[in-house]
C-alpha cells in the first residue's frame, strides 16, 4: 500500500515533467533519499500506483491513436507516461558527475592527409 508521501511524489512528478528527485524532495523526502530515486521507483507501492494511474493498455491505446492521428502531437505526454512507468529511461553520463563534457576543438585543414600513408605508396602502377 502506498504512503501519502509516495502519492505526493508521484503527483509532483506529473506536475514537474518527470523529475523524480525534485518530486521526492517536494513531497518531503530527505535530500539524501532523493539522491537515489530508485528507492521510490523500484518500490512495490510505486509500481502498484503506476499500474493504477497509467495502465499499460491505456498507454498502448494512446500511442496507437497518436500514430493513426498525426495531427495531434502527444509525444511529450506519452514519453512522460512511459518514463513514470519505468518503461523508458534517459541516458545519463555517470563519469562526469552530471557536468557537461568539454567540447573538443578540431582544426580541419583542406588537403591535409591524416592517415600516415606516403603519397608514393598509395599511387597505382
N, C-alpha and C. Protein backbone atom coordinates (compact mmCIF):
# COMPACT_ATOMS: atom_id res chain seq x y z
N UNK A 1 0.85 -1.18 0.00
CA UNK A 1 0.00 0.00 0.00
C UNK A 1 0.89 1.24 0.00
N UNK A 2 0.58 2.17 -0.87
CA UNK A 2 1.38 3.38 -1.00
C UNK A 2 1.14 4.34 0.16
N UNK A 3 2.20 5.02 0.56
CA UNK A 3 2.07 6.03 1.61
C UNK A 3 1.63 7.35 0.99
N UNK A 4 1.20 8.27 1.83
CA UNK A 4 0.81 9.60 1.34
C UNK A 4 2.01 10.31 0.70
N UNK A 5 3.20 10.10 1.26
CA UNK A 5 4.41 10.73 0.72
C UNK A 5 4.70 10.20 -0.69
N UNK A 6 4.52 8.89 -0.90
CA UNK A 6 4.72 8.31 -2.24
C UNK A 6 3.71 8.86 -3.23
N UNK A 7 2.46 8.98 -2.78
CA UNK A 7 1.42 9.54 -3.66
C UNK A 7 1.73 10.99 -4.02
N UNK A 8 2.18 11.78 -3.04
CA UNK A 8 2.56 13.19 -3.31
C UNK A 8 3.72 13.25 -4.29
N UNK A 9 4.70 12.36 -4.13
CA UNK A 9 5.86 12.34 -5.02
C UNK A 9 5.42 12.06 -6.46
N UNK A 10 4.50 11.14 -6.63
CA UNK A 10 4.02 10.82 -7.98
C UNK A 10 3.25 12.00 -8.56
N UNK A 11 2.40 12.62 -7.77
CA UNK A 11 1.69 13.81 -8.24
C UNK A 11 2.68 14.90 -8.64
N UNK A 12 3.73 15.06 -7.84
CA UNK A 12 4.75 16.07 -8.14
C UNK A 12 5.48 15.75 -9.44
N UNK A 13 5.74 14.47 -9.70
CA UNK A 13 6.41 14.07 -10.94
C UNK A 13 5.59 14.46 -12.15
N UNK A 14 4.30 14.26 -12.06
CA UNK A 14 3.41 14.63 -13.17
C UNK A 14 3.46 16.14 -13.39
N UNK A 15 3.44 16.89 -12.30
CA UNK A 15 3.45 18.35 -12.39
C UNK A 15 4.77 18.90 -12.90
N UNK A 16 5.90 18.28 -12.53
CA UNK A 16 7.20 18.85 -12.90
C UNK A 16 7.82 18.22 -14.14
N UNK A 17 7.09 17.36 -14.82
CA UNK A 17 7.60 16.77 -16.05
C UNK A 17 8.42 15.52 -15.88
N UNK A 18 8.41 14.93 -14.70
CA UNK A 18 9.06 13.64 -14.51
C UNK A 18 10.37 13.67 -13.75
N UNK A 19 10.74 14.79 -13.14
CA UNK A 19 11.97 14.86 -12.35
C UNK A 19 11.71 14.20 -11.00
N UNK A 20 12.17 12.95 -10.86
CA UNK A 20 11.84 12.15 -9.68
C UNK A 20 12.49 12.72 -8.43
N UNK A 21 13.77 13.08 -8.49
CA UNK A 21 14.45 13.60 -7.31
C UNK A 21 13.78 14.86 -6.77
N UNK A 22 13.46 15.79 -7.67
CA UNK A 22 12.78 17.02 -7.25
C UNK A 22 11.41 16.70 -6.67
N UNK A 23 10.69 15.80 -7.31
CA UNK A 23 9.37 15.42 -6.83
C UNK A 23 9.45 14.81 -5.44
N UNK A 24 10.48 14.02 -5.20
CA UNK A 24 10.65 13.41 -3.88
C UNK A 24 10.96 14.47 -2.82
N UNK A 25 11.85 15.40 -3.14
CA UNK A 25 12.17 16.47 -2.17
C UNK A 25 10.92 17.29 -1.86
N UNK A 26 10.17 17.65 -2.92
CA UNK A 26 8.95 18.45 -2.73
C UNK A 26 7.88 17.69 -1.94
N UNK A 27 7.93 16.38 -1.98
CA UNK A 27 6.96 15.56 -1.24
C UNK A 27 7.37 15.35 0.21
N UNK A 28 8.59 15.77 0.57
CA UNK A 28 9.02 15.64 1.95
C UNK A 28 10.11 14.62 2.20
N UNK A 29 10.62 13.98 1.16
CA UNK A 29 11.74 13.06 1.34
C UNK A 29 12.99 13.86 1.65
N UNK A 30 13.90 13.29 2.38
CA UNK A 30 15.16 13.98 2.69
C UNK A 30 15.97 14.14 1.41
N UNK A 31 16.81 15.18 1.35
CA UNK A 31 17.67 15.37 0.17
C UNK A 31 18.54 14.14 -0.09
N UNK A 32 18.98 13.46 0.96
CA UNK A 32 19.82 12.27 0.80
C UNK A 32 19.04 11.14 0.13
N UNK A 33 17.81 10.92 0.56
CA UNK A 33 16.97 9.88 -0.05
C UNK A 33 16.62 10.25 -1.49
N UNK A 34 16.38 11.53 -1.73
CA UNK A 34 16.01 11.98 -3.08
C UNK A 34 17.15 11.84 -4.08
N UNK A 35 18.39 11.67 -3.58
CA UNK A 35 19.53 11.46 -4.48
C UNK A 35 19.50 10.08 -5.12
N UNK A 36 18.72 9.17 -4.55
CA UNK A 36 18.58 7.82 -5.12
C UNK A 36 17.11 7.55 -5.40
N UNK A 37 16.60 8.13 -6.50
CA UNK A 37 15.17 7.99 -6.81
C UNK A 37 14.72 6.55 -7.03
N UNK A 38 15.66 5.65 -7.30
CA UNK A 38 15.26 4.25 -7.49
C UNK A 38 14.68 3.65 -6.22
N UNK A 39 14.99 4.25 -5.07
CA UNK A 39 14.38 3.78 -3.83
C UNK A 39 12.86 3.90 -3.91
N UNK A 40 12.40 4.94 -4.60
CA UNK A 40 10.96 5.11 -4.79
C UNK A 40 10.47 4.32 -5.99
N UNK A 41 11.14 4.52 -7.13
CA UNK A 41 10.61 3.98 -8.39
C UNK A 41 10.69 2.47 -8.51
N UNK A 42 11.47 1.82 -7.66
CA UNK A 42 11.51 0.36 -7.69
C UNK A 42 10.69 -0.28 -6.57
N UNK A 43 10.05 0.57 -5.77
CA UNK A 43 9.24 0.02 -4.66
C UNK A 43 7.95 -0.59 -5.20
N UNK A 44 7.47 -1.58 -4.49
CA UNK A 44 6.22 -2.25 -4.88
C UNK A 44 5.05 -1.28 -4.90
N UNK A 45 5.03 -0.35 -3.94
CA UNK A 45 3.93 0.62 -3.87
C UNK A 45 3.93 1.54 -5.09
N UNK A 46 5.11 1.98 -5.52
CA UNK A 46 5.22 2.85 -6.69
C UNK A 46 4.71 2.11 -7.94
N UNK A 47 5.16 0.90 -8.12
CA UNK A 47 4.76 0.11 -9.29
C UNK A 47 3.25 -0.11 -9.27
N UNK A 48 2.70 -0.37 -8.09
CA UNK A 48 1.25 -0.55 -7.95
C UNK A 48 0.50 0.73 -8.33
N UNK A 49 0.99 1.88 -7.84
CA UNK A 49 0.36 3.16 -8.18
C UNK A 49 0.46 3.45 -9.67
N UNK A 50 1.60 3.17 -10.26
CA UNK A 50 1.77 3.42 -11.70
C UNK A 50 0.82 2.55 -12.51
N UNK A 51 0.66 1.31 -12.10
CA UNK A 51 -0.28 0.44 -12.79
C UNK A 51 -1.71 0.94 -12.67
N UNK A 52 -2.04 1.54 -11.53
CA UNK A 52 -3.38 2.09 -11.33
C UNK A 52 -3.56 3.40 -12.11
N UNK A 53 -2.57 4.29 -12.03
CA UNK A 53 -2.68 5.60 -12.69
C UNK A 53 -2.52 5.50 -14.21
N UNK A 54 -1.61 4.64 -14.64
CA UNK A 54 -1.27 4.55 -16.06
C UNK A 54 -1.23 3.09 -16.51
N UNK A 55 -2.39 2.47 -16.65
CA UNK A 55 -2.39 1.07 -17.08
C UNK A 55 -1.76 0.93 -18.48
N UNK A 56 -1.05 -0.16 -18.69
CA UNK A 56 -0.37 -0.39 -19.96
C UNK A 56 -1.33 -0.31 -21.15
N UNK A 57 -2.53 -0.87 -21.00
CA UNK A 57 -3.46 -0.85 -22.14
C UNK A 57 -3.86 0.58 -22.50
N UNK A 58 -3.96 1.46 -21.51
CA UNK A 58 -4.29 2.86 -21.80
C UNK A 58 -3.15 3.52 -22.59
N UNK A 59 -1.90 3.26 -22.16
CA UNK A 59 -0.75 3.83 -22.86
C UNK A 59 -0.66 3.31 -24.29
N UNK A 60 -0.89 2.02 -24.46
CA UNK A 60 -0.82 1.44 -25.80
C UNK A 60 -1.93 1.99 -26.70
N UNK A 61 -3.14 2.17 -26.14
CA UNK A 61 -4.23 2.76 -26.93
C UNK A 61 -3.89 4.19 -27.34
N UNK A 62 -3.34 4.97 -26.40
CA UNK A 62 -2.97 6.35 -26.69
C UNK A 62 -1.89 6.42 -27.75
N UNK A 63 -0.91 5.54 -27.66
CA UNK A 63 0.16 5.51 -28.65
C UNK A 63 -0.38 5.13 -30.02
N UNK A 64 -1.22 4.12 -30.08
CA UNK A 64 -1.81 3.71 -31.36
C UNK A 64 -2.65 4.83 -31.94
N UNK A 65 -3.43 5.49 -31.10
CA UNK A 65 -4.26 6.62 -31.53
C UNK A 65 -3.38 7.75 -32.07
N UNK A 66 -2.29 8.01 -31.38
CA UNK A 66 -1.37 9.08 -31.80
C UNK A 66 -0.74 8.75 -33.15
N UNK A 67 -0.37 7.51 -33.34
CA UNK A 67 0.23 7.11 -34.62
C UNK A 67 -0.79 7.25 -35.75
N UNK A 68 -2.03 6.87 -35.49
CA UNK A 68 -3.06 6.95 -36.52
C UNK A 68 -3.50 8.37 -36.82
N UNK A 69 -3.45 9.26 -35.84
CA UNK A 69 -3.90 10.65 -35.99
C UNK A 69 -2.73 11.60 -35.79
N UNK A 70 -1.91 11.74 -36.80
CA UNK A 70 -0.68 12.53 -36.67
C UNK A 70 -0.91 14.01 -36.38
N UNK A 71 -2.12 14.53 -36.56
CA UNK A 71 -2.33 15.95 -36.31
C UNK A 71 -2.17 16.31 -34.82
N UNK A 72 -2.26 15.33 -33.97
CA UNK A 72 -2.08 15.56 -32.54
C UNK A 72 -0.68 15.10 -32.14
N UNK A 73 0.07 15.98 -31.52
CA UNK A 73 1.40 15.62 -31.05
C UNK A 73 1.35 15.42 -29.54
N UNK A 74 1.21 14.18 -29.13
CA UNK A 74 1.17 13.87 -27.70
C UNK A 74 2.46 13.19 -27.25
N UNK A 75 3.49 13.30 -28.06
CA UNK A 75 4.75 12.63 -27.75
C UNK A 75 5.27 12.98 -26.36
N UNK A 76 5.31 14.26 -25.97
CA UNK A 76 5.83 14.56 -24.62
C UNK A 76 5.03 13.88 -23.51
N UNK A 77 3.72 13.85 -23.65
CA UNK A 77 2.89 13.21 -22.63
C UNK A 77 3.11 11.71 -22.59
N UNK A 78 3.22 11.11 -23.77
CA UNK A 78 3.45 9.67 -23.82
C UNK A 78 4.83 9.31 -23.27
N UNK A 79 5.84 10.12 -23.61
CA UNK A 79 7.18 9.86 -23.07
C UNK A 79 7.17 9.95 -21.55
N UNK A 80 6.48 10.95 -21.01
CA UNK A 80 6.39 11.10 -19.57
C UNK A 80 5.71 9.87 -18.95
N UNK A 81 4.64 9.43 -19.56
CA UNK A 81 3.92 8.27 -19.03
C UNK A 81 4.81 7.03 -19.03
N UNK A 82 5.53 6.80 -20.12
CA UNK A 82 6.41 5.64 -20.19
C UNK A 82 7.57 5.76 -19.20
N UNK A 83 8.09 6.98 -19.02
CA UNK A 83 9.15 7.19 -18.03
C UNK A 83 8.64 6.89 -16.62
N UNK A 84 7.46 7.39 -16.32
CA UNK A 84 6.88 7.16 -15.00
C UNK A 84 6.66 5.68 -14.73
N UNK A 85 6.33 4.95 -15.77
CA UNK A 85 6.10 3.51 -15.63
C UNK A 85 7.42 2.73 -15.61
N UNK A 86 8.54 3.41 -15.86
CA UNK A 86 9.84 2.74 -15.88
C UNK A 86 10.08 1.98 -17.15
N UNK A 87 9.33 2.29 -18.19
CA UNK A 87 9.46 1.60 -19.47
C UNK A 87 10.38 2.35 -20.42
N UNK A 88 10.83 3.54 -20.01
CA UNK A 88 11.71 4.34 -20.85
C UNK A 88 12.65 5.11 -19.93
N UNK A 89 13.93 5.08 -20.24
CA UNK A 89 14.89 5.80 -19.43
C UNK A 89 15.72 6.73 -20.31
N UNK A 90 16.27 7.74 -19.68
CA UNK A 90 17.17 8.64 -20.39
C UNK A 90 18.59 8.22 -20.11
N UNK A 91 19.45 8.42 -21.10
CA UNK A 91 20.86 8.11 -20.90
C UNK A 91 21.46 9.16 -19.97
N UNK A 92 22.24 8.69 -19.02
CA UNK A 92 22.89 9.59 -18.07
C UNK A 92 24.39 9.28 -18.09
N UNK A 93 25.20 10.32 -18.17
CA UNK A 93 26.65 10.16 -18.11
C UNK A 93 27.07 10.20 -16.65
N UNK A 94 27.47 9.06 -16.12
CA UNK A 94 27.85 8.98 -14.71
C UNK A 94 29.34 9.29 -14.51
N UNK A 95 30.09 9.47 -15.59
CA UNK A 95 31.53 9.66 -15.46
C UNK A 95 31.91 11.09 -15.14
N UNK A 96 31.02 12.05 -15.36
CA UNK A 96 31.36 13.45 -15.14
C UNK A 96 30.60 14.06 -13.98
N UNK A 97 29.91 13.24 -13.21
CA UNK A 97 29.13 13.73 -12.08
C UNK A 97 28.12 14.78 -12.51
N UNK A 98 27.53 14.58 -13.69
CA UNK A 98 26.49 15.47 -14.18
C UNK A 98 26.98 16.71 -14.88
N UNK A 99 28.30 16.90 -14.94
CA UNK A 99 28.83 18.09 -15.61
C UNK A 99 28.97 17.83 -17.10
N UNK A 100 28.82 18.89 -17.88
CA UNK A 100 28.92 18.76 -19.33
C UNK A 100 30.36 18.44 -19.72
N UNK A 101 30.50 17.51 -20.66
CA UNK A 101 31.83 17.17 -21.15
C UNK A 101 32.37 18.32 -21.98
N UNK A 102 33.68 18.58 -21.90
CA UNK A 102 34.25 19.65 -22.72
C UNK A 102 34.15 19.29 -24.20
N UNK A 103 33.90 20.29 -25.02
CA UNK A 103 33.81 20.08 -26.46
C UNK A 103 35.21 20.15 -27.05
N UNK A 104 35.66 19.09 -27.72
CA UNK A 104 36.99 19.14 -28.31
C UNK A 104 37.03 20.14 -29.47
N UNK A 105 38.16 20.79 -29.60
CA UNK A 105 38.34 21.74 -30.69
C UNK A 105 39.11 21.03 -31.79
N UNK A 106 38.51 20.97 -32.94
CA UNK A 106 39.14 20.31 -34.08
C UNK A 106 39.50 21.35 -35.12
N UNK A 107 40.68 21.22 -35.67
CA UNK A 107 41.10 22.10 -36.74
C UNK A 107 41.17 21.27 -38.00
N UNK A 108 40.30 21.56 -38.91
CA UNK A 108 40.27 20.82 -40.17
C UNK A 108 40.87 21.70 -41.27
N UNK A 109 41.96 21.24 -41.85
CA UNK A 109 42.62 21.97 -42.92
C UNK A 109 42.45 21.18 -44.20
N UNK A 110 41.96 21.82 -45.26
CA UNK A 110 41.78 21.10 -46.53
C UNK A 110 43.10 20.55 -47.06
N UNK A 111 43.04 19.42 -47.74
CA UNK A 111 44.18 18.79 -48.41
C UNK A 111 45.28 18.34 -47.46
N UNK A 112 44.99 18.09 -46.23
CA UNK A 112 45.98 17.57 -45.29
C UNK A 112 45.64 16.10 -45.06
N UNK A 113 46.65 15.24 -45.26
CA UNK A 113 46.44 13.80 -45.07
C UNK A 113 46.68 13.44 -43.61
N UNK A 114 45.83 12.62 -43.08
CA UNK A 114 45.97 12.24 -41.67
C UNK A 114 46.11 10.74 -41.49
N UNK A 115 46.37 10.01 -42.58
CA UNK A 115 46.35 8.56 -42.46
C UNK A 115 47.73 7.91 -42.48
N UNK A 116 48.81 8.68 -42.43
CA UNK A 116 50.18 8.16 -42.33
C UNK A 116 50.59 7.29 -43.51
N UNK A 117 49.94 7.40 -44.63
CA UNK A 117 50.34 6.64 -45.82
C UNK A 117 51.06 7.60 -46.73
N UNK A 118 52.25 7.23 -47.16
CA UNK A 118 53.02 8.08 -48.07
C UNK A 118 52.31 8.20 -49.40
N UNK A 119 52.41 9.36 -50.02
CA UNK A 119 51.78 9.58 -51.32
C UNK A 119 52.30 8.55 -52.32
N UNK A 120 53.61 8.26 -52.29
CA UNK A 120 54.20 7.31 -53.25
C UNK A 120 53.63 5.92 -53.09
N UNK A 121 53.42 5.49 -51.85
CA UNK A 121 52.94 4.14 -51.58
C UNK A 121 51.47 3.96 -51.98
N UNK A 122 50.70 5.04 -51.99
CA UNK A 122 49.29 4.90 -52.28
C UNK A 122 48.99 5.07 -53.77
N UNK A 123 49.97 5.38 -54.58
CA UNK A 123 49.71 5.55 -56.01
C UNK A 123 49.60 4.20 -56.70
N UNK A 124 48.89 4.17 -57.79
CA UNK A 124 48.72 2.92 -58.52
C UNK A 124 49.72 2.86 -59.65
N UNK A 125 50.12 1.66 -60.04
CA UNK A 125 51.13 1.48 -61.11
C UNK A 125 50.50 1.57 -62.46
